[in-house]
Amino acid sequence: MKQIILATALVLATGTAYAADVLQGAPVAASFDWTGAYIGVNAGGGFGTFKHEVTGSPTSIDVSSSGFLGGVQAGYNWQSGQVVYGVETDFQGADIKGDLSFPVTLLKTKVDWFGTLRARIGFTPVDRFMVYGTGGLAYGHFETEINNGAISGSKTKAGWTVGAGAEYAINTNWTIKSEYLYTDLGKADVIDLGPPNTLTDKIAFHTVRVGLNYKF
């Protein structure tokens, strides 16, 4: 929970810094309407702890993970006063991975792609700057290897995501944003180790990213 609070605070602080820089650097019109469709690109990083359990074993093998991600997003906003409602979907290529090595790689797990479909609700303290909360469906693909790939398995799994962000309108069409998400893809049986043992992965991770949107 402390990680989530800290990451959210960093996202909001970054968004505020973006807004301040743009305000100092370029004149803007008096008002801005967030209503409309948009598309964009993003990039950032992910980190977390991947958990592995073996059927019948009381212990969990946990590995710390991290890596880069990048992708595209699209959505639509409706504005009512200072409140903005919206829906957004995104798809990410990722290299968020963790391993247990001693001295060779005994266990490695990687998330190589994921996506989300989320609702957003935001507030505009000034018309060109919005802070928002977001949450909804997540889905993704992950793979686990044992003994340098001698045994491997993968799954595509659905779960959930929740987070917060800040977005600033540079001009009528372009906006920049920073965003934090916590994504949980749940548990899945990945590798059959022979009856009655199965390796089960629990995949959850944090992401922080920045994005650029074009509003139609």
N, C-alpha and C. Protein backbone atom coordinates (compact mmCIF):
# COMPACT_ATOMS: atom_id res chain seq x y z
N MET A 1 0.83 -1.21 0.00
CA MET A 1 0.00 0.00 0.00
C MET A 1 0.86 1.26 0.00
N LYS A 2 2.01 1.23 0.75
CA LYS A 2 2.89 2.40 0.76
C LYS A 2 3.45 2.66 -0.62
N GLN A 3 3.76 1.56 -1.39
CA GLN A 3 4.27 1.73 -2.74
C GLN A 3 3.23 2.39 -3.64
N ILE A 4 1.98 1.99 -3.48
CA ILE A 4 0.91 2.55 -4.32
C ILE A 4 0.73 4.03 -4.02
N ILE A 5 0.71 4.40 -2.74
CA ILE A 5 0.54 5.80 -2.35
C ILE A 5 1.69 6.64 -2.87
N LEU A 6 2.94 6.13 -2.73
CA LEU A 6 4.11 6.86 -3.18
C LEU A 6 4.10 7.05 -4.69
N ALA A 7 3.80 5.96 -5.42
CA ALA A 7 3.79 6.05 -6.88
C ALA A 7 2.72 7.01 -7.37
N THR A 8 1.54 6.98 -6.74
CA THR A 8 0.46 7.90 -7.11
C THR A 8 0.86 9.35 -6.88
N ALA A 9 1.51 9.60 -5.74
CA ALA A 9 1.97 10.96 -5.43
C ALA A 9 2.99 11.44 -6.46
N LEU A 10 3.89 10.54 -6.89
CA LEU A 10 4.88 10.91 -7.89
C LEU A 10 4.23 11.24 -9.22
N VAL A 11 3.20 10.46 -9.60
CA VAL A 11 2.48 10.73 -10.84
C VAL A 11 1.84 12.11 -10.81
N LEU A 12 1.15 12.42 -9.72
CA LEU A 12 0.47 13.70 -9.63
C LEU A 12 1.46 14.85 -9.59
N ALA A 13 2.59 14.65 -8.91
CA ALA A 13 3.62 15.69 -8.85
C ALA A 13 4.21 15.93 -10.23
N THR A 14 4.45 14.85 -10.98
CA THR A 14 5.00 14.98 -12.33
C THR A 14 4.04 15.73 -13.24
N GLY A 15 2.75 15.39 -13.13
CA GLY A 15 1.75 16.07 -13.95
C GLY A 15 1.70 17.56 -13.65
N THR A 16 1.82 17.92 -12.38
CA THR A 16 1.82 19.33 -11.99
C THR A 16 3.03 20.04 -12.57
N ALA A 17 4.18 19.34 -12.56
CA ALA A 17 5.39 19.93 -13.11
C ALA A 17 5.24 20.17 -14.61
N TYR A 18 4.64 19.20 -15.33
CA TYR A 18 4.37 19.39 -16.75
C TYR A 18 3.55 20.66 -16.99
N ALA A 19 2.50 20.77 -16.22
CA ALA A 19 1.60 21.90 -16.39
C ALA A 19 2.32 23.21 -16.16
N ALA A 20 3.13 23.27 -15.11
CA ALA A 20 3.85 24.50 -14.78
C ALA A 20 4.82 24.87 -15.90
N ASP A 21 5.55 23.87 -16.44
CA ASP A 21 6.51 24.14 -17.51
C ASP A 21 5.83 24.70 -18.74
N VAL A 22 4.71 24.10 -19.12
CA VAL A 22 4.02 24.55 -20.33
C VAL A 22 3.43 25.94 -20.13
N LEU A 23 2.88 26.20 -18.96
CA LEU A 23 2.31 27.51 -18.68
C LEU A 23 3.36 28.60 -18.79
N GLN A 24 4.59 28.32 -18.35
CA GLN A 24 5.65 29.31 -18.41
C GLN A 24 6.16 29.50 -19.83
N GLY A 25 6.05 28.44 -20.64
CA GLY A 25 6.71 28.46 -21.94
C GLY A 25 5.86 28.87 -23.12
N ALA A 26 4.53 28.83 -23.02
CA ALA A 26 3.71 29.10 -24.20
C ALA A 26 2.37 29.71 -23.79
N PRO A 27 1.90 30.72 -24.57
CA PRO A 27 0.58 31.28 -24.29
C PRO A 27 -0.51 30.30 -24.67
N VAL A 28 -1.61 30.27 -23.91
CA VAL A 28 -2.72 29.37 -24.19
C VAL A 28 -4.03 30.15 -24.20
N ALA A 29 -5.02 29.55 -24.81
CA ALA A 29 -6.34 30.18 -24.85
C ALA A 29 -6.98 30.13 -23.47
N ALA A 30 -8.08 30.88 -23.31
CA ALA A 30 -8.69 31.03 -21.99
C ALA A 30 -9.43 29.78 -21.54
N SER A 31 -9.89 28.94 -22.46
CA SER A 31 -10.70 27.81 -22.05
C SER A 31 -10.37 26.58 -22.90
N PHE A 32 -10.73 25.42 -22.37
CA PHE A 32 -10.47 24.16 -23.07
C PHE A 32 -11.58 23.19 -22.72
N ASP A 33 -12.06 22.47 -23.73
CA ASP A 33 -13.12 21.49 -23.54
C ASP A 33 -12.52 20.09 -23.73
N TRP A 34 -12.62 19.24 -22.69
CA TRP A 34 -12.04 17.90 -22.74
C TRP A 34 -12.90 16.90 -23.50
N THR A 35 -14.13 17.27 -23.86
CA THR A 35 -15.02 16.34 -24.55
C THR A 35 -14.48 15.97 -25.93
N GLY A 36 -14.46 14.68 -26.23
CA GLY A 36 -14.03 14.23 -27.55
C GLY A 36 -13.18 12.99 -27.51
N ALA A 37 -12.89 12.45 -28.69
CA ALA A 37 -12.07 11.25 -28.83
C ALA A 37 -10.60 11.62 -28.92
N TYR A 38 -9.74 10.66 -28.58
CA TYR A 38 -8.30 10.91 -28.66
C TYR A 38 -7.57 9.58 -28.88
N ILE A 39 -6.36 9.68 -29.43
CA ILE A 39 -5.45 8.55 -29.56
C ILE A 39 -4.07 9.02 -29.13
N GLY A 40 -3.19 8.08 -28.78
CA GLY A 40 -1.87 8.50 -28.35
C GLY A 40 -0.90 7.36 -28.17
N VAL A 41 0.29 7.72 -27.71
CA VAL A 41 1.37 6.76 -27.44
C VAL A 41 1.88 6.99 -26.02
N ASN A 42 2.55 5.97 -25.48
CA ASN A 42 3.09 6.09 -24.14
C ASN A 42 4.33 5.22 -23.98
N ALA A 43 5.10 5.51 -22.92
CA ALA A 43 6.27 4.71 -22.58
C ALA A 43 6.55 4.86 -21.10
N GLY A 44 7.16 3.84 -20.51
CA GLY A 44 7.46 3.91 -19.09
C GLY A 44 8.13 2.65 -18.59
N GLY A 45 7.90 2.34 -17.34
CA GLY A 45 8.52 1.16 -16.73
C GLY A 45 7.57 0.46 -15.79
N GLY A 46 7.89 -0.80 -15.50
CA GLY A 46 7.08 -1.60 -14.58
C GLY A 46 7.95 -2.29 -13.56
N PHE A 47 7.38 -2.60 -12.41
CA PHE A 47 8.12 -3.30 -11.36
C PHE A 47 7.12 -4.00 -10.45
N GLY A 48 7.58 -5.05 -9.77
CA GLY A 48 6.71 -5.78 -8.86
C GLY A 48 7.38 -7.03 -8.34
N THR A 49 6.58 -7.91 -7.74
CA THR A 49 7.05 -9.19 -7.24
C THR A 49 6.18 -10.29 -7.82
N PHE A 50 6.79 -11.19 -8.57
CA PHE A 50 6.08 -12.34 -9.12
C PHE A 50 6.20 -13.50 -8.13
N LYS A 51 5.08 -14.13 -7.82
CA LYS A 51 5.06 -15.22 -6.84
C LYS A 51 4.84 -16.55 -7.55
N HIS A 52 5.53 -17.58 -7.07
CA HIS A 52 5.43 -18.92 -7.66
C HIS A 52 5.18 -19.93 -6.55
N GLU A 53 4.17 -20.76 -6.74
CA GLU A 53 3.83 -21.79 -5.77
C GLU A 53 3.79 -23.16 -6.44
N VAL A 54 4.20 -24.18 -5.69
CA VAL A 54 4.13 -25.56 -6.17
C VAL A 54 3.06 -26.29 -5.37
N THR A 55 2.20 -27.01 -6.06
CA THR A 55 1.11 -27.74 -5.40
C THR A 55 1.63 -28.56 -4.23
N GLY A 56 0.99 -28.36 -3.08
CA GLY A 56 1.36 -29.12 -1.89
C GLY A 56 2.50 -28.53 -1.09
N SER A 57 3.16 -27.48 -1.62
CA SER A 57 4.27 -26.86 -0.89
C SER A 57 3.77 -25.64 -0.12
N PRO A 58 4.21 -25.48 1.14
CA PRO A 58 3.75 -24.32 1.93
C PRO A 58 4.51 -23.05 1.60
N THR A 59 5.57 -23.14 0.81
CA THR A 59 6.40 -21.97 0.54
C THR A 59 6.10 -21.38 -0.83
N SER A 60 6.46 -20.10 -0.99
CA SER A 60 6.30 -19.40 -2.26
C SER A 60 7.67 -18.88 -2.70
N ILE A 61 8.00 -19.06 -3.96
CA ILE A 61 9.23 -18.52 -4.51
C ILE A 61 8.91 -17.16 -5.13
N ASP A 62 9.44 -16.11 -4.52
CA ASP A 62 9.14 -14.76 -4.98
C ASP A 62 10.36 -14.18 -5.70
N VAL A 63 10.14 -13.55 -6.84
CA VAL A 63 11.22 -12.89 -7.56
C VAL A 63 10.82 -11.45 -7.85
N SER A 64 11.76 -10.53 -7.63
CA SER A 64 11.53 -9.12 -7.95
C SER A 64 11.66 -8.92 -9.45
N SER A 65 10.76 -8.13 -10.01
CA SER A 65 10.74 -7.92 -11.46
C SER A 65 10.79 -6.44 -11.79
N SER A 66 11.29 -6.14 -12.97
CA SER A 66 11.30 -4.77 -13.47
C SER A 66 11.53 -4.80 -14.97
N GLY A 67 11.27 -3.69 -15.64
CA GLY A 67 11.49 -3.62 -17.07
C GLY A 67 10.76 -2.47 -17.73
N PHE A 68 10.94 -2.35 -19.02
CA PHE A 68 10.36 -1.26 -19.79
C PHE A 68 9.04 -1.67 -20.44
N LEU A 69 8.27 -0.68 -20.85
CA LEU A 69 7.02 -0.92 -21.56
C LEU A 69 6.73 0.28 -22.46
N GLY A 70 5.95 0.03 -23.48
CA GLY A 70 5.53 1.10 -24.37
C GLY A 70 4.33 0.64 -25.18
N GLY A 71 3.50 1.59 -25.59
CA GLY A 71 2.31 1.18 -26.33
C GLY A 71 1.48 2.34 -26.82
N VAL A 72 0.23 2.02 -27.09
CA VAL A 72 -0.72 2.99 -27.65
C VAL A 72 -1.98 2.99 -26.80
N GLN A 73 -2.72 4.10 -26.83
CA GLN A 73 -3.99 4.21 -26.13
C GLN A 73 -4.98 5.00 -26.97
N ALA A 74 -6.27 4.79 -26.67
CA ALA A 74 -7.35 5.54 -27.32
C ALA A 74 -8.49 5.64 -26.34
N GLY A 75 -9.27 6.71 -26.46
CA GLY A 75 -10.38 6.88 -25.53
C GLY A 75 -11.31 7.99 -25.92
N TYR A 76 -12.27 8.23 -25.03
CA TYR A 76 -13.26 9.29 -25.25
C TYR A 76 -13.61 9.91 -23.90
N ASN A 77 -13.70 11.26 -23.88
CA ASN A 77 -14.07 12.00 -22.67
C ASN A 77 -15.38 12.75 -22.86
N TRP A 78 -16.11 12.89 -21.74
CA TRP A 78 -17.26 13.78 -21.66
C TRP A 78 -17.03 14.72 -20.49
N GLN A 79 -17.24 16.01 -20.69
CA GLN A 79 -17.03 16.98 -19.62
C GLN A 79 -18.34 17.60 -19.18
N SER A 80 -18.53 17.70 -17.85
CA SER A 80 -19.68 18.37 -17.26
C SER A 80 -19.16 19.29 -16.16
N GLY A 81 -19.10 20.58 -16.43
CA GLY A 81 -18.51 21.51 -15.47
C GLY A 81 -17.03 21.22 -15.32
N GLN A 82 -16.60 21.04 -14.07
CA GLN A 82 -15.19 20.72 -13.81
C GLN A 82 -14.93 19.21 -13.73
N VAL A 83 -15.96 18.39 -13.97
CA VAL A 83 -15.83 16.94 -13.90
C VAL A 83 -15.73 16.37 -15.31
N VAL A 84 -14.78 15.44 -15.49
CA VAL A 84 -14.59 14.79 -16.79
C VAL A 84 -14.75 13.28 -16.61
N TYR A 85 -15.65 12.68 -17.39
CA TYR A 85 -15.84 11.24 -17.39
C TYR A 85 -15.26 10.69 -18.68
N GLY A 86 -14.76 9.47 -18.64
CA GLY A 86 -14.22 8.91 -19.87
C GLY A 86 -14.00 7.42 -19.80
N VAL A 87 -13.64 6.87 -20.97
CA VAL A 87 -13.27 5.46 -21.07
C VAL A 87 -12.00 5.40 -21.92
N GLU A 88 -11.08 4.51 -21.55
CA GLU A 88 -9.82 4.41 -22.27
C GLU A 88 -9.39 2.96 -22.38
N THR A 89 -8.81 2.61 -23.52
CA THR A 89 -8.21 1.29 -23.71
C THR A 89 -6.77 1.49 -24.16
N ASP A 90 -5.89 0.57 -23.77
CA ASP A 90 -4.50 0.65 -24.20
C ASP A 90 -3.94 -0.75 -24.41
N PHE A 91 -2.86 -0.82 -25.18
CA PHE A 91 -2.16 -2.08 -25.41
C PHE A 91 -0.67 -1.81 -25.30
N GLN A 92 0.03 -2.66 -24.50
CA GLN A 92 1.43 -2.42 -24.19
C GLN A 92 2.31 -3.61 -24.59
N GLY A 93 3.40 -3.33 -25.27
CA GLY A 93 4.49 -4.29 -25.36
C GLY A 93 5.36 -4.10 -24.12
N ALA A 94 5.82 -5.19 -23.52
CA ALA A 94 6.52 -5.08 -22.24
C ALA A 94 7.69 -6.05 -22.15
N ASP A 95 8.60 -5.71 -21.25
CA ASP A 95 9.73 -6.58 -20.93
C ASP A 95 9.93 -6.52 -19.41
N ILE A 96 8.85 -6.82 -18.69
CA ILE A 96 8.88 -6.81 -17.22
C ILE A 96 9.22 -8.22 -16.76
N LYS A 97 10.43 -8.42 -16.24
CA LYS A 97 10.88 -9.77 -15.95
C LYS A 97 11.65 -9.83 -14.64
N GLY A 98 11.64 -11.02 -14.05
CA GLY A 98 12.40 -11.29 -12.84
C GLY A 98 12.92 -12.71 -12.88
N ASP A 99 14.06 -12.96 -12.22
CA ASP A 99 14.61 -14.30 -12.24
C ASP A 99 15.30 -14.64 -10.93
N LEU A 100 15.46 -15.93 -10.72
CA LEU A 100 16.20 -16.48 -9.59
C LEU A 100 17.39 -17.22 -10.16
N SER A 101 18.60 -16.72 -9.88
CA SER A 101 19.81 -17.28 -10.47
C SER A 101 20.82 -17.65 -9.40
N PHE A 102 21.42 -18.87 -9.52
CA PHE A 102 22.44 -19.30 -8.56
C PHE A 102 23.13 -20.59 -9.00
N PRO A 103 24.24 -20.48 -9.78
CA PRO A 103 24.68 -19.30 -10.54
C PRO A 103 23.97 -19.22 -11.89
N VAL A 104 23.34 -20.32 -12.32
CA VAL A 104 22.58 -20.29 -13.57
C VAL A 104 21.15 -19.85 -13.25
N THR A 105 20.39 -19.54 -14.30
CA THR A 105 19.01 -19.10 -14.11
C THR A 105 18.13 -20.31 -13.79
N LEU A 106 17.69 -20.38 -12.54
CA LEU A 106 16.85 -21.49 -12.11
C LEU A 106 15.39 -21.26 -12.45
N LEU A 107 14.97 -19.99 -12.39
CA LEU A 107 13.56 -19.66 -12.60
C LEU A 107 13.48 -18.25 -13.18
N LYS A 108 12.72 -18.08 -14.24
CA LYS A 108 12.55 -16.75 -14.85
C LYS A 108 11.11 -16.59 -15.30
N THR A 109 10.52 -15.42 -14.98
CA THR A 109 9.16 -15.10 -15.40
C THR A 109 9.15 -13.72 -16.05
N LYS A 110 8.41 -13.60 -17.15
CA LYS A 110 8.35 -12.33 -17.88
C LYS A 110 6.93 -12.05 -18.35
N VAL A 111 6.50 -10.80 -18.19
CA VAL A 111 5.28 -10.29 -18.83
C VAL A 111 5.72 -9.63 -20.13
N ASP A 112 5.26 -10.15 -21.28
CA ASP A 112 5.71 -9.59 -22.55
C ASP A 112 4.67 -8.70 -23.24
N TRP A 113 3.41 -8.79 -22.85
CA TRP A 113 2.43 -7.81 -23.32
C TRP A 113 1.22 -7.81 -22.38
N PHE A 114 0.54 -6.68 -22.33
CA PHE A 114 -0.69 -6.58 -21.56
C PHE A 114 -1.50 -5.40 -22.07
N GLY A 115 -2.76 -5.37 -21.68
CA GLY A 115 -3.62 -4.27 -22.07
C GLY A 115 -4.67 -4.01 -21.01
N THR A 116 -5.37 -2.90 -21.13
CA THR A 116 -6.43 -2.56 -20.17
C THR A 116 -7.61 -1.93 -20.88
N LEU A 117 -8.77 -2.01 -20.25
CA LEU A 117 -9.98 -1.28 -20.65
C LEU A 117 -10.53 -0.66 -19.38
N ARG A 118 -10.46 0.69 -19.27
CA ARG A 118 -10.70 1.36 -17.99
C ARG A 118 -11.69 2.52 -18.11
N ALA A 119 -12.41 2.75 -17.02
CA ALA A 119 -13.16 3.99 -16.85
C ALA A 119 -12.23 5.03 -16.23
N ARG A 120 -12.47 6.30 -16.55
CA ARG A 120 -11.71 7.40 -15.92
C ARG A 120 -12.70 8.44 -15.41
N ILE A 121 -12.39 9.02 -14.27
CA ILE A 121 -13.15 10.17 -13.78
C ILE A 121 -12.15 11.19 -13.26
N GLY A 122 -12.28 12.42 -13.76
CA GLY A 122 -11.30 13.44 -13.45
C GLY A 122 -11.91 14.74 -12.97
N PHE A 123 -11.05 15.59 -12.44
CA PHE A 123 -11.44 16.92 -11.97
C PHE A 123 -10.46 17.92 -12.54
N THR A 124 -10.96 19.07 -12.99
CA THR A 124 -10.13 20.09 -13.60
C THR A 124 -10.07 21.32 -12.70
N PRO A 125 -9.04 21.45 -11.84
CA PRO A 125 -8.90 22.64 -11.02
C PRO A 125 -8.71 23.90 -11.86
N VAL A 126 -8.06 23.73 -13.02
CA VAL A 126 -8.03 24.75 -14.08
C VAL A 126 -8.40 24.03 -15.36
N ASP A 127 -8.91 24.76 -16.36
CA ASP A 127 -9.54 24.07 -17.48
C ASP A 127 -8.59 23.21 -18.29
N ARG A 128 -7.30 23.49 -18.30
CA ARG A 128 -6.36 22.72 -19.11
C ARG A 128 -5.61 21.65 -18.32
N PHE A 129 -5.85 21.57 -17.04
CA PHE A 129 -5.14 20.59 -16.21
C PHE A 129 -6.15 19.70 -15.50
N MET A 130 -5.99 18.38 -15.65
CA MET A 130 -6.92 17.42 -15.07
C MET A 130 -6.16 16.38 -14.24
N VAL A 131 -6.68 16.08 -13.05
CA VAL A 131 -6.23 14.93 -12.28
C VAL A 131 -7.36 13.91 -12.30
N TYR A 132 -7.03 12.62 -12.31
CA TYR A 132 -8.07 11.62 -12.47
C TYR A 132 -7.71 10.31 -11.79
N GLY A 133 -8.76 9.55 -11.48
CA GLY A 133 -8.63 8.17 -11.04
C GLY A 133 -9.13 7.26 -12.15
N THR A 134 -8.63 6.03 -12.18
CA THR A 134 -8.99 5.13 -13.27
C THR A 134 -8.95 3.69 -12.80
N GLY A 135 -9.77 2.83 -13.42
CA GLY A 135 -9.76 1.42 -13.05
C GLY A 135 -10.63 0.61 -13.99
N GLY A 136 -10.36 -0.70 -14.03
CA GLY A 136 -11.16 -1.57 -14.90
C GLY A 136 -10.48 -2.89 -15.17
N LEU A 137 -10.71 -3.40 -16.37
CA LEU A 137 -10.23 -4.71 -16.79
C LEU A 137 -8.77 -4.64 -17.24
N ALA A 138 -8.01 -5.69 -16.90
CA ALA A 138 -6.66 -5.86 -17.43
C ALA A 138 -6.52 -7.28 -17.97
N TYR A 139 -5.63 -7.45 -18.92
CA TYR A 139 -5.34 -8.76 -19.48
C TYR A 139 -3.88 -8.77 -19.92
N GLY A 140 -3.26 -9.94 -19.95
CA GLY A 140 -1.87 -9.98 -20.35
C GLY A 140 -1.35 -11.38 -20.53
N HIS A 141 -0.12 -11.46 -21.06
CA HIS A 141 0.53 -12.74 -21.34
C HIS A 141 1.84 -12.80 -20.56
N PHE A 142 2.08 -13.91 -19.87
CA PHE A 142 3.34 -14.09 -19.13
C PHE A 142 3.85 -15.50 -19.34
N GLU A 143 5.17 -15.65 -19.18
CA GLU A 143 5.83 -16.92 -19.42
C GLU A 143 6.82 -17.20 -18.30
N THR A 144 6.93 -18.46 -17.90
CA THR A 144 7.89 -18.88 -16.89
C THR A 144 8.76 -19.98 -17.46
N GLU A 145 10.09 -19.89 -17.18
CA GLU A 145 11.05 -20.90 -17.59
C GLU A 145 11.77 -21.45 -16.36
N ILE A 146 12.08 -22.73 -16.37
CA ILE A 146 12.83 -23.38 -15.30
C ILE A 146 14.10 -23.99 -15.89
N ASN A 147 15.21 -23.83 -15.17
CA ASN A 147 16.50 -24.40 -15.59
C ASN A 147 16.90 -23.96 -17.00
N ASN A 148 17.02 -22.63 -17.14
CA ASN A 148 17.46 -22.04 -18.42
C ASN A 148 16.59 -22.46 -19.61
N GLY A 149 15.30 -22.59 -19.38
CA GLY A 149 14.36 -22.88 -20.46
C GLY A 149 14.16 -24.35 -20.75
N ALA A 150 14.74 -25.22 -19.91
CA ALA A 150 14.53 -26.66 -20.11
C ALA A 150 13.06 -27.03 -20.00
N ILE A 151 12.36 -26.34 -19.11
CA ILE A 151 10.92 -26.49 -18.96
C ILE A 151 10.30 -25.10 -18.99
N SER A 152 9.22 -24.92 -19.71
CA SER A 152 8.59 -23.60 -19.77
C SER A 152 7.09 -23.74 -19.95
N GLY A 153 6.39 -22.68 -19.64
CA GLY A 153 4.95 -22.61 -19.83
C GLY A 153 4.50 -21.17 -19.85
N SER A 154 3.36 -20.89 -20.46
CA SER A 154 2.87 -19.52 -20.54
C SER A 154 1.35 -19.50 -20.44
N LYS A 155 0.83 -18.33 -20.10
CA LYS A 155 -0.61 -18.14 -19.98
C LYS A 155 -0.99 -16.74 -20.42
N THR A 156 -2.20 -16.63 -20.97
CA THR A 156 -2.85 -15.33 -21.17
C THR A 156 -3.99 -15.26 -20.16
N LYS A 157 -4.01 -14.21 -19.35
CA LYS A 157 -4.90 -14.17 -18.19
C LYS A 157 -5.55 -12.81 -18.08
N ALA A 158 -6.79 -12.76 -17.62
CA ALA A 158 -7.50 -11.50 -17.36
C ALA A 158 -7.49 -11.21 -15.86
N GLY A 159 -7.50 -9.92 -15.53
CA GLY A 159 -7.50 -9.49 -14.14
C GLY A 159 -8.07 -8.09 -14.03
N TRP A 160 -7.47 -7.28 -13.18
CA TRP A 160 -7.99 -5.93 -12.95
C TRP A 160 -6.83 -4.95 -12.76
N THR A 161 -7.16 -3.66 -12.89
CA THR A 161 -6.16 -2.61 -12.71
C THR A 161 -6.81 -1.37 -12.11
N VAL A 162 -6.03 -0.59 -11.37
CA VAL A 162 -6.52 0.65 -10.75
C VAL A 162 -5.34 1.62 -10.64
N GLY A 163 -5.63 2.92 -10.73
CA GLY A 163 -4.54 3.88 -10.65
C GLY A 163 -5.01 5.31 -10.68
N ALA A 164 -4.09 6.21 -10.99
CA ALA A 164 -4.37 7.64 -11.01
C ALA A 164 -3.41 8.32 -11.96
N GLY A 165 -3.76 9.52 -12.37
CA GLY A 165 -2.89 10.24 -13.29
C GLY A 165 -3.20 11.72 -13.33
N ALA A 166 -2.43 12.41 -14.15
CA ALA A 166 -2.61 13.85 -14.38
C ALA A 166 -2.37 14.12 -15.85
N GLU A 167 -3.15 15.03 -16.42
CA GLU A 167 -3.05 15.32 -17.86
C GLU A 167 -3.16 16.82 -18.09
N TYR A 168 -2.38 17.32 -19.05
CA TYR A 168 -2.38 18.75 -19.34
C TYR A 168 -2.54 18.98 -20.84
N ALA A 169 -3.40 19.92 -21.21
CA ALA A 169 -3.64 20.26 -22.62
C ALA A 169 -2.64 21.33 -23.06
N ILE A 170 -1.75 20.94 -23.98
CA ILE A 170 -0.76 21.89 -24.49
C ILE A 170 -1.44 22.93 -25.38
N ASN A 171 -2.35 22.46 -26.23
CA ASN A 171 -3.13 23.37 -27.08
C ASN A 171 -4.46 22.68 -27.38
N THR A 172 -5.14 23.09 -28.42
CA THR A 172 -6.48 22.56 -28.71
C THR A 172 -6.48 21.06 -28.96
N ASN A 173 -5.40 20.53 -29.55
CA ASN A 173 -5.39 19.13 -29.97
C ASN A 173 -4.45 18.21 -29.19
N TRP A 174 -3.40 18.73 -28.60
CA TRP A 174 -2.39 17.88 -27.99
C TRP A 174 -2.41 17.97 -26.47
N THR A 175 -2.33 16.80 -25.82
CA THR A 175 -2.22 16.74 -24.35
C THR A 175 -1.08 15.81 -23.96
N ILE A 176 -0.51 16.07 -22.79
CA ILE A 176 0.50 15.18 -22.23
C ILE A 176 -0.01 14.68 -20.88
N LYS A 177 0.43 13.46 -20.50
CA LYS A 177 -0.06 12.90 -19.25
C LYS A 177 1.02 12.06 -18.59
N SER A 178 0.87 11.88 -17.28
CA SER A 178 1.66 10.91 -16.52
C SER A 178 0.67 10.07 -15.73
N GLU A 179 0.97 8.77 -15.57
CA GLU A 179 -0.03 7.85 -15.02
C GLU A 179 0.63 6.71 -14.26
N TYR A 180 0.00 6.34 -13.15
CA TYR A 180 0.41 5.17 -12.37
C TYR A 180 -0.73 4.15 -12.39
N LEU A 181 -0.39 2.87 -12.58
CA LEU A 181 -1.37 1.78 -12.51
C LEU A 181 -0.81 0.63 -11.69
N TYR A 182 -1.68 0.01 -10.90
CA TYR A 182 -1.39 -1.28 -10.28
C TYR A 182 -2.22 -2.31 -11.02
N THR A 183 -1.58 -3.34 -11.54
CA THR A 183 -2.25 -4.34 -12.36
C THR A 183 -2.08 -5.72 -11.74
N ASP A 184 -3.19 -6.45 -11.59
CA ASP A 184 -3.17 -7.79 -11.00
C ASP A 184 -3.82 -8.75 -11.99
N LEU A 185 -3.02 -9.68 -12.52
CA LEU A 185 -3.52 -10.67 -13.47
C LEU A 185 -3.94 -11.97 -12.78
N GLY A 186 -3.85 -12.01 -11.45
CA GLY A 186 -4.32 -13.17 -10.70
C GLY A 186 -3.37 -14.35 -10.75
N LYS A 187 -3.90 -15.54 -10.48
CA LYS A 187 -3.11 -16.77 -10.41
C LYS A 187 -3.45 -17.69 -11.58
N ALA A 188 -2.45 -18.43 -12.03
CA ALA A 188 -2.68 -19.38 -13.12
C ALA A 188 -1.68 -20.53 -13.02
N ASP A 189 -2.14 -21.73 -13.31
CA ASP A 189 -1.26 -22.90 -13.40
C ASP A 189 -0.49 -22.80 -14.71
N VAL A 190 0.85 -22.79 -14.61
CA VAL A 190 1.68 -22.52 -15.79
C VAL A 190 2.45 -23.76 -16.25
N ILE A 191 3.02 -24.52 -15.34
CA ILE A 191 3.85 -25.66 -15.72
C ILE A 191 3.42 -26.91 -14.95
N ASP A 192 3.17 -27.97 -15.68
CA ASP A 192 2.88 -29.27 -15.08
C ASP A 192 4.21 -29.94 -14.74
N LEU A 193 4.49 -30.12 -13.45
CA LEU A 193 5.75 -30.70 -13.01
C LEU A 193 5.66 -32.22 -12.85
N GLY A 194 4.55 -32.77 -13.25
CA GLY A 194 4.34 -34.20 -13.08
C GLY A 194 3.43 -34.44 -11.89
N PRO A 195 2.47 -35.36 -12.03
CA PRO A 195 1.46 -35.58 -10.98
C PRO A 195 2.11 -35.82 -9.62
N PRO A 196 1.61 -35.15 -8.56
CA PRO A 196 0.46 -34.22 -8.59
C PRO A 196 0.90 -32.76 -8.55
N ASN A 197 2.13 -32.45 -8.96
CA ASN A 197 2.70 -31.12 -8.76
C ASN A 197 2.50 -30.20 -9.96
N THR A 198 2.11 -28.97 -9.67
CA THR A 198 1.93 -27.94 -10.69
C THR A 198 2.55 -26.64 -10.18
N LEU A 199 3.23 -25.92 -11.08
CA LEU A 199 3.76 -24.60 -10.74
C LEU A 199 2.70 -23.55 -11.07
N THR A 200 2.34 -22.77 -10.06
CA THR A 200 1.33 -21.72 -10.22
C THR A 200 1.97 -20.35 -10.07
N ASP A 201 1.70 -19.45 -11.01
CA ASP A 201 2.21 -18.08 -10.95
C ASP A 201 1.13 -17.14 -10.46
N LYS A 202 1.53 -16.16 -9.65
CA LYS A 202 0.67 -15.03 -9.29
C LYS A 202 1.35 -13.77 -9.79
N ILE A 203 0.73 -13.10 -10.75
CA ILE A 203 1.36 -11.98 -11.44
C ILE A 203 0.66 -10.67 -11.09
N ALA A 204 1.40 -9.78 -10.45
CA ALA A 204 0.92 -8.43 -10.15
C ALA A 204 2.10 -7.47 -10.25
N PHE A 205 1.86 -6.26 -10.74
CA PHE A 205 2.97 -5.32 -10.94
C PHE A 205 2.46 -3.88 -10.98
N HIS A 206 3.38 -2.96 -10.76
CA HIS A 206 3.12 -1.53 -10.84
C HIS A 206 3.71 -0.99 -12.15
N THR A 207 3.06 0.01 -12.73
CA THR A 207 3.62 0.69 -13.89
C THR A 207 3.50 2.20 -13.71
N VAL A 208 4.51 2.90 -14.17
CA VAL A 208 4.50 4.37 -14.23
C VAL A 208 4.89 4.74 -15.66
N ARG A 209 4.09 5.58 -16.30
CA ARG A 209 4.36 5.90 -17.69
C ARG A 209 3.95 7.33 -18.01
N VAL A 210 4.49 7.85 -19.10
CA VAL A 210 4.11 9.17 -19.61
C VAL A 210 3.54 8.96 -21.01
N GLY A 211 2.64 9.84 -21.42
CA GLY A 211 2.00 9.67 -22.71
C GLY A 211 1.72 10.98 -23.42
N LEU A 212 1.50 10.90 -24.70
CA LEU A 212 1.14 12.03 -25.55
C LEU A 212 -0.11 11.66 -26.32
N ASN A 213 -1.15 12.50 -26.24
CA ASN A 213 -2.42 12.23 -26.90
C ASN A 213 -2.75 13.30 -27.93
N TYR A 214 -3.42 12.86 -29.01
CA TYR A 214 -3.99 13.79 -29.98
C TYR A 214 -5.50 13.75 -29.86
N LYS A 215 -6.11 14.88 -29.53
CA LYS A 215 -7.55 14.99 -29.36
C LYS A 215 -8.19 15.49 -30.65
N PHE A 216 -9.22 14.76 -31.11
CA PHE A 216 -9.89 15.13 -32.37
C PHE A 216 -10.90 16.27 -32.13
